Amino acid sequence: MHPFTFKLHSVLIKASMASMLHFILLLGSLMVASAGSLNENFDITWGDGRGKMINNGNLLTLSLDKASGSGFQSKNEYLFGKIDMQLKLVAGNSAGTVTAYYLSSKGSTWDEIDFEFLGNLSGDPYILHTNVFSQGKGNREQQFYLWFDPTADFHTYSILWNPQRIVFSVDGTPIREFKNSESMGVPFPKNQPMKIYSSLWNADDWATRGGLVKTDWTQAPFTASYRNFKADACVWSNGKSSCNSKAPSSSSRNGAWLTQELDSTSQERLKWVQKNYMIYNYCSDTKRFPQGLPAECRSTK
């Protein structure tokens, strides 16, 4: 082989290897979708200045007064992921207020995975309300008290969403698992990419004691705070996922959530929460479902 040809061939091989390495690194970076500042990952979408990014975008606050609440949404859409956010909720007399933090798709047959924090009178506990919508159908509420004061400090609220299950967790402790029961005819959120949303708003017609306790506007503005967002997730863009069949195995650490399930310790912690802190479970509400409990409830009996 001519020396020039050999040299050119070597350069092409090196270029090809560099290109492949760049592709692998890019895939890995897409797998861990986001762990940066909040202003890199979210847009404040309403509230006329009541939502604020402070501390170089590392802290986000939403506020509510009698004129308006406020809200934000993620820049990215996700199709499966492990989403973490630290929240500190409205302190004091928060009766009538709702802080919602959830994943949702668009359209009339949307999917949605909800955390909603229902405010209460000073000294009375918040209610953590959870729900799962699939193809526009919800009515899968479970509600909990928390085992700490969620207004005194930040706590981590997480959603694990993979093709097999959805797990709601608080400070790493699972509080609810919604399994894929498609084999029983129960739709499961798996085809519609979702954005992350959060809002602080007035719902005193229903939020506290069924609407009996109204918002005390002399306590306004009400403020909730957010920090330390992290998403190990598949980003959906231009009709494609950043994860493909090779991506999960390219890094066992990054891809573990795609097949994650509750181990025996997590199952025990889940039982502990549901025994001691669950205050409503649609799967136990036989009066609400006189024709029979939903199929996914019967499958857990």
Protein backbone atom coordinates (compact mmCIF):
# COMPACT_ATOMS: atom_id res chain seq x y z
CA MET A 1 0.00 0.00 0.00
CA HIS A 2 1.27 3.48 -0.86
CA PRO A 3 2.36 5.36 2.31
CA PHE A 4 -0.08 8.18 1.60
CA THR A 5 -2.94 5.72 1.13
CA PHE A 6 -2.02 3.92 4.35
CA LYS A 7 -1.90 7.22 6.27
CA LEU A 8 -5.26 8.29 4.87
CA HIS A 9 -6.74 4.91 5.79
CA SER A 10 -5.48 5.29 9.37
CA VAL A 11 -6.93 8.78 9.62
CA LEU A 12 -10.31 7.53 8.41
CA ILE A 13 -10.32 4.70 10.96
CA LYS A 14 -9.47 7.11 13.77
CA ALA A 15 -12.16 9.51 12.61
CA SER A 16 -14.68 6.70 12.49
CA MET A 17 -13.74 5.55 16.02
CA ALA A 18 -13.95 9.13 17.31
CA SER A 19 -17.36 9.50 15.71
CA MET A 20 -18.60 6.27 17.30
CA LEU A 21 -17.24 7.33 20.70
CA HIS A 22 -19.00 10.68 20.33
CA PHE A 23 -22.26 8.86 19.51
CA ILE A 24 -21.95 6.62 22.60
CA LEU A 25 -21.21 9.59 24.84
CA LEU A 26 -24.13 11.47 23.33
CA LEU A 27 -26.46 8.53 23.98
CA GLY A 28 -25.31 8.39 27.57
CA SER A 29 -25.85 12.10 28.04
CA LEU A 30 -29.37 11.84 26.63
CA MET A 31 -30.18 8.98 28.98
CA VAL A 32 -29.57 11.21 31.99
CA ALA A 33 -31.86 13.86 30.67
CA SER A 34 -31.50 16.63 33.22
CA ALA A 35 -29.71 17.44 36.43
CA GLY A 36 -28.94 21.11 35.88
CA SER A 37 -30.47 24.30 37.21
CA LEU A 38 -34.21 24.79 37.10
CA ASN A 39 -34.03 27.59 34.54
CA GLU A 40 -32.31 25.19 32.13
CA ASN A 41 -35.16 22.70 32.43
CA PHE A 42 -38.33 24.71 33.08
CA ASP A 43 -40.28 27.73 31.89
CA ILE A 44 -42.58 29.74 34.15
CA THR A 45 -45.76 29.75 32.08
CA TRP A 46 -48.31 31.79 34.02
CA GLY A 47 -48.77 34.00 37.06
CA ASP A 48 -47.66 37.43 35.82
CA GLY A 49 -44.43 37.49 37.82
CA ARG A 50 -45.64 35.36 40.73
CA GLY A 51 -43.33 32.55 39.66
CA LYS A 52 -39.64 33.35 40.17
CA MET A 53 -36.25 31.79 39.40
CA ILE A 54 -33.69 32.83 42.00
CA ASN A 55 -30.21 31.87 43.17
CA ASN A 56 -28.93 31.51 39.58
CA GLY A 57 -31.87 29.30 38.69
CA ASN A 58 -31.22 26.80 41.48
CA LEU A 59 -34.39 27.75 43.33
CA LEU A 60 -37.87 28.28 41.90
CA THR A 61 -40.78 29.75 43.84
CA LEU A 62 -44.48 29.91 43.00
CA SER A 63 -46.84 32.25 44.80
CA LEU A 64 -50.59 32.71 45.09
CA ASP A 65 -52.59 35.78 46.03
CA LYS A 66 -56.24 36.68 45.61
CA ALA A 67 -55.67 37.82 42.01
CA SER A 68 -53.81 34.78 40.67
CA GLY A 69 -51.72 31.71 41.26
CA SER A 70 -48.70 30.68 39.16
CA GLY A 71 -47.16 27.72 37.41
CA PHE A 72 -44.32 26.28 35.36
CA GLN A 73 -43.67 23.43 32.93
CA SER A 74 -40.68 21.49 31.65
CA LYS A 75 -38.99 22.38 28.39
CA ASN A 76 -38.71 18.66 27.56
CA GLU A 77 -41.26 15.92 27.06
CA TYR A 78 -40.50 12.50 28.55
CA LEU A 79 -41.59 8.96 27.70
CA PHE A 80 -40.60 6.98 30.82
CA GLY A 81 -38.18 8.12 33.47
CA LYS A 82 -37.28 8.60 37.11
CA ILE A 83 -38.19 12.16 38.09
CA ASP A 84 -37.08 13.78 41.38
CA MET A 85 -37.92 17.22 42.73
CA GLN A 86 -37.49 18.73 46.17
CA LEU A 87 -40.45 20.82 47.38
CA LYS A 88 -41.12 22.94 50.44
CA LEU A 89 -44.85 23.58 50.73
CA VAL A 90 -46.88 26.62 51.79
CA ALA A 91 -46.44 27.16 55.53
CA GLY A 92 -48.95 28.25 58.14
CA ASN A 93 -52.63 28.45 57.28
CA SER A 94 -52.61 26.97 53.77
CA ALA A 95 -56.29 25.96 53.78
CA GLY A 96 -57.89 26.23 50.34
CA THR A 97 -54.60 26.11 48.44
CA VAL A 98 -53.39 23.31 46.20
CA THR A 99 -49.81 22.74 45.09
CA ALA A 100 -49.90 20.41 42.09
CA TYR A 101 -46.82 18.63 40.73
CA TYR A 102 -47.47 16.19 37.92
CA LEU A 103 -46.68 14.68 34.53
CA SER A 104 -49.24 15.08 31.76
CA SER A 105 -49.68 14.62 28.03
CA LYS A 106 -52.04 16.61 25.78
CA GLY A 107 -55.39 15.88 24.17
CA SER A 108 -58.77 14.45 25.17
CA THR A 109 -57.34 10.98 25.93
CA TRP A 110 -54.39 12.25 27.93
CA ASP A 111 -52.20 10.40 30.40
CA GLU A 112 -51.29 11.94 33.74
CA ILE A 113 -49.40 11.07 36.93
CA ASP A 114 -50.30 13.36 39.84
CA PHE A 115 -48.95 14.61 43.13
CA GLU A 116 -51.31 17.21 44.64
CA PHE A 117 -50.75 18.74 48.07
CA LEU A 118 -53.98 19.93 49.68
CA GLY A 119 -53.44 22.74 52.19
CA ASN A 120 -54.95 22.89 55.66
CA LEU A 121 -55.38 25.05 58.73
CA SER A 122 -52.28 25.76 60.80
CA GLY A 123 -51.37 22.68 62.82
CA ASP A 124 -53.48 20.31 60.74
CA PRO A 125 -51.70 17.98 58.32
CA TYR A 126 -51.40 18.40 54.59
CA ILE A 127 -53.11 15.76 52.48
CA LEU A 128 -51.00 14.26 49.70
CA HIS A 129 -53.39 13.34 46.89
CA THR A 130 -52.21 10.99 44.11
CA ASN A 131 -53.91 9.93 40.90
CA VAL A 132 -53.12 8.16 37.63
CA PHE A 133 -54.93 8.94 34.37
CA SER A 134 -54.64 6.70 31.32
CA GLN A 135 -56.33 7.57 28.03
CA GLY A 136 -58.32 10.32 29.72
CA LYS A 137 -59.65 8.18 32.58
CA GLY A 138 -58.63 8.84 36.17
CA ASN A 139 -60.66 8.11 39.32
CA ARG A 140 -57.69 6.27 40.82
CA GLU A 141 -57.15 8.44 43.88
CA GLN A 142 -55.08 7.48 46.88
CA GLN A 143 -54.52 10.00 49.66
CA PHE A 144 -51.98 10.14 52.46
CA TYR A 145 -50.85 12.10 55.45
CA LEU A 146 -47.10 12.62 55.65
CA TRP A 147 -44.90 11.53 58.55
CA PHE A 148 -43.19 14.95 58.74
CA ASP A 149 -44.01 18.64 58.35
CA PRO A 150 -43.65 19.31 54.59
CA THR A 151 -43.52 23.07 55.18
CA ALA A 152 -40.51 23.10 57.52
CA ASP A 153 -37.91 21.95 54.99
CA PHE A 154 -37.43 20.54 51.51
CA HIS A 155 -38.36 16.91 50.83
CA THR A 156 -37.90 14.83 47.69
CA TYR A 157 -41.00 13.72 45.76
CA SER A 158 -40.29 11.16 43.04
CA ILE A 159 -42.10 9.45 40.20
CA LEU A 160 -40.69 6.26 38.71
CA TRP A 161 -42.42 5.57 35.40
CA ASN A 162 -41.38 2.59 33.32
CA PRO A 163 -43.30 0.20 31.05
CA GLN A 164 -44.13 -2.13 33.97
CA ARG A 165 -45.16 0.24 36.77
CA ILE A 166 -45.51 3.72 38.22
CA VAL A 167 -44.14 4.26 41.73
CA PHE A 168 -44.73 7.39 43.81
CA SER A 169 -42.06 7.97 46.48
CA VAL A 170 -41.36 10.49 49.23
CA ASP A 171 -37.75 10.85 50.40
CA GLY A 172 -37.02 7.49 48.78
CA THR A 173 -39.89 5.71 50.54
CA PRO A 174 -42.50 4.31 48.12
CA ILE A 175 -46.05 5.29 49.01
CA ARG A 176 -47.92 3.94 45.98
CA GLU A 177 -47.39 1.51 43.11
CA PHE A 178 -49.61 1.41 40.01
CA LYS A 179 -48.75 -1.69 37.99
CA ASN A 180 -49.27 -2.24 34.28
CA SER A 181 -52.47 -4.32 34.11
CA GLU A 182 -53.01 -4.16 30.36
CA SER A 183 -53.46 -7.93 30.35
CA MET A 184 -56.67 -7.29 32.30
CA GLY A 185 -57.86 -4.59 29.91
CA VAL A 186 -56.66 -1.64 32.03
CA PRO A 187 -54.96 1.08 29.93
CA PHE A 188 -51.45 2.04 31.06
CA PRO A 189 -49.58 5.25 30.23
CA LYS A 190 -46.92 4.12 27.79
CA ASN A 191 -47.41 5.76 24.38
CA GLN A 192 -47.87 9.47 25.10
CA PRO A 193 -44.90 11.63 26.04
CA MET A 194 -45.53 13.90 29.00
CA LYS A 195 -44.22 17.20 30.28
CA ILE A 196 -43.71 18.04 33.94
CA TYR A 197 -46.03 20.70 35.31
CA SER A 198 -46.47 22.42 38.64
CA SER A 199 -48.89 25.07 39.85
CA LEU A 200 -50.02 26.77 43.03
CA TRP A 201 -53.67 27.78 42.91
CA ASN A 202 -56.82 28.46 44.90
CA ALA A 203 -59.24 25.54 45.19
CA ASP A 204 -61.17 26.46 48.31
CA ASP A 205 -64.38 25.14 46.76
CA TRP A 206 -63.12 21.59 47.44
CA ALA A 207 -59.52 21.33 48.68
CA THR A 208 -59.91 21.57 52.46
CA ARG A 209 -62.63 19.55 54.20
CA GLY A 210 -64.64 19.36 51.01
CA GLY A 211 -64.71 23.14 50.62
CA LEU A 212 -65.93 23.94 54.14
CA VAL A 213 -62.71 25.80 54.97
CA LYS A 214 -62.01 28.79 52.72
CA THR A 215 -58.73 30.48 51.85
CA ASP A 216 -57.71 33.20 54.31
CA TRP A 217 -56.43 35.89 51.96
CA THR A 218 -55.01 37.91 54.86
CA GLN A 219 -52.24 35.26 54.89
CA ALA A 220 -51.34 35.86 51.22
CA PRO A 221 -49.09 35.64 49.38
CA PHE A 222 -48.75 31.87 49.76
CA THR A 223 -45.44 30.49 48.49
CA ALA A 224 -44.12 27.02 47.55
CA SER A 225 -40.45 26.40 46.73
CA TYR A 226 -38.65 23.95 44.43
CA ARG A 227 -35.04 22.83 44.01
CA ASN A 228 -32.74 19.92 43.06
CA PHE A 229 -34.63 18.66 40.01
CA LYS A 230 -33.26 15.48 38.47
CA ALA A 231 -34.57 13.39 35.59
CA ASP A 232 -33.03 10.07 34.55
CA ALA A 233 -35.38 9.76 31.62
CA CYS A 234 -36.02 9.25 27.94
CA VAL A 235 -36.52 12.62 26.27
CA TRP A 236 -39.06 12.69 23.45
CA SER A 237 -38.22 15.03 20.59
CA ASN A 238 -39.30 15.20 16.95
CA GLY A 239 -41.22 11.94 17.26
CA LYS A 240 -38.27 9.98 18.65
CA SER A 241 -37.01 8.90 22.05
CA SER A 242 -33.48 9.59 23.22
CA CYS A 243 -33.47 5.99 24.49
CA ASN A 244 -33.33 3.07 22.09
CA SER A 245 -32.97 -0.67 22.58
CA LYS A 246 -29.23 -0.34 23.17
CA ALA A 247 -29.33 2.67 25.48
CA PRO A 248 -30.53 1.02 28.73
CA SER A 249 -27.75 -1.57 28.65
CA SER A 250 -25.09 0.97 27.75
CA SER A 251 -25.05 2.04 31.39
CA SER A 252 -26.55 -0.19 34.04
CA ARG A 253 -26.65 2.72 36.48
CA ASN A 254 -28.48 5.07 34.15
CA GLY A 255 -30.80 2.48 32.66
CA ALA A 256 -31.73 0.60 35.82
CA TRP A 257 -34.98 2.50 36.31
CA LEU A 258 -36.37 1.17 33.00
CA THR A 259 -36.81 -2.26 34.56
CA GLN A 260 -36.83 -1.26 38.24
CA GLU A 261 -39.29 -2.89 40.58
CA LEU A 262 -39.81 -2.80 44.33
CA ASP A 263 -37.46 -5.09 46.22
CA SER A 264 -38.56 -6.76 49.46
CA THR A 265 -37.38 -3.84 51.62
CA SER A 266 -39.24 -1.32 49.47
CA GLN A 267 -42.36 -3.48 49.56
CA GLU A 268 -42.25 -3.51 53.37
CA ARG A 269 -41.85 0.28 53.46
CA LEU A 270 -44.78 0.64 51.06
CA LYS A 271 -46.94 -1.52 53.33
CA TRP A 272 -45.85 0.55 56.35
CA VAL A 273 -46.92 3.82 54.68
CA GLN A 274 -50.21 2.42 53.45
CA LYS A 275 -51.05 0.93 56.84
CA ASN A 276 -50.17 4.01 58.88
CA TYR A 277 -50.62 7.04 56.62
CA MET A 278 -53.08 6.22 53.83
CA ILE A 279 -56.41 7.95 54.45
CA TYR A 280 -58.25 7.14 51.21
CA ASN A 281 -57.90 4.32 48.68
CA TYR A 282 -60.23 4.06 45.69
CA CYS A 283 -59.57 0.31 45.69
CA SER A 284 -61.39 0.05 49.03
CA ASP A 285 -64.32 2.31 48.16
CA THR A 286 -67.06 -0.20 47.44
CA LYS A 287 -69.79 2.46 47.76
CA ARG A 288 -68.21 4.41 44.93
CA PHE A 289 -68.04 1.35 42.69
CA PRO A 290 -71.28 -0.56 43.35
CA GLN A 291 -70.84 -2.56 40.14
CA GLY A 292 -67.48 -3.85 41.42
CA LEU A 293 -64.03 -2.45 42.09
CA PRO A 294 -61.81 -1.56 39.10
CA ALA A 295 -59.93 -4.49 37.62
CA GLU A 296 -56.50 -3.35 38.81
CA CYS A 297 -57.84 -3.30 42.39
CA ARG A 298 -59.13 -6.85 42.18
CA SER A 299 -55.79 -8.04 40.83
CA THR A 300 -54.01 -6.96 44.03
CA LYS A 301 -56.30 -8.84 46.36
